[in-house]
Amino acid sequence: MAKRKEQFYVDLAFRSELHNWRTPDWLFKSLDSFFSFDTDVCANDSNFLCENYFTIERSCFDNPWGKMNYMNPPYGRQIGLFCAEAYKQWKDHQRMTVALLPSRTDTKWFHNSIYNKSHIYFIRGRLKFNDQPNSAPFPSMIVFWGVEDHRSLNAMYEALQKGRDEQGK
């Protein structure tokens, strides 16, 4: 019986059928108020959050990124490619990116592209994404490549937590 419960948790928490989780409006607005994003690097024609955005057809892998980017990539196996590209955009071109990601600290993509290469904010609790009836089956984090002003990050963290707490009421 314990094995079955374990498998249920793994199936629920790590194998979601949905890979395109739309950013909660309150979260994007809060982040955008601090960073004034110019490009949404992972969007489609119905869920873009910035005037300039990339889609599958107009790929972030084939086009130059903006100076301040927002990224909420598909949460499937290809997520590591997006994280690697965000890190590369900062390292090679000084293009900053803020990303909403599932908190998967045990993955290769986390260690190769995020850990000790960015700032990380772990979101307390589970996010409720806009178009979903329930909270996400996984924890979330916000990753900052190239954002170095710690005073701004601390103020932003406080504002995000306040917004998160208000959403939980």
Foldseek 3Di string as FASTA:
>chain_A
DVVVVVVVLCCQQPPDPFFDFQAAPLLVVLVCVLFVAAEEQDDDPPRDDHPHYAYPVRHPVPDQGDQEYEYEHGQDPCVLVVLQVQLCCCVPPVRKYKYKYFPDCPDPSCVVRAVVQWDKAWQPDFDDGDPDPDGGSTTIMITIHNDDPVVSVVVSNVVVNVSVVVVVD
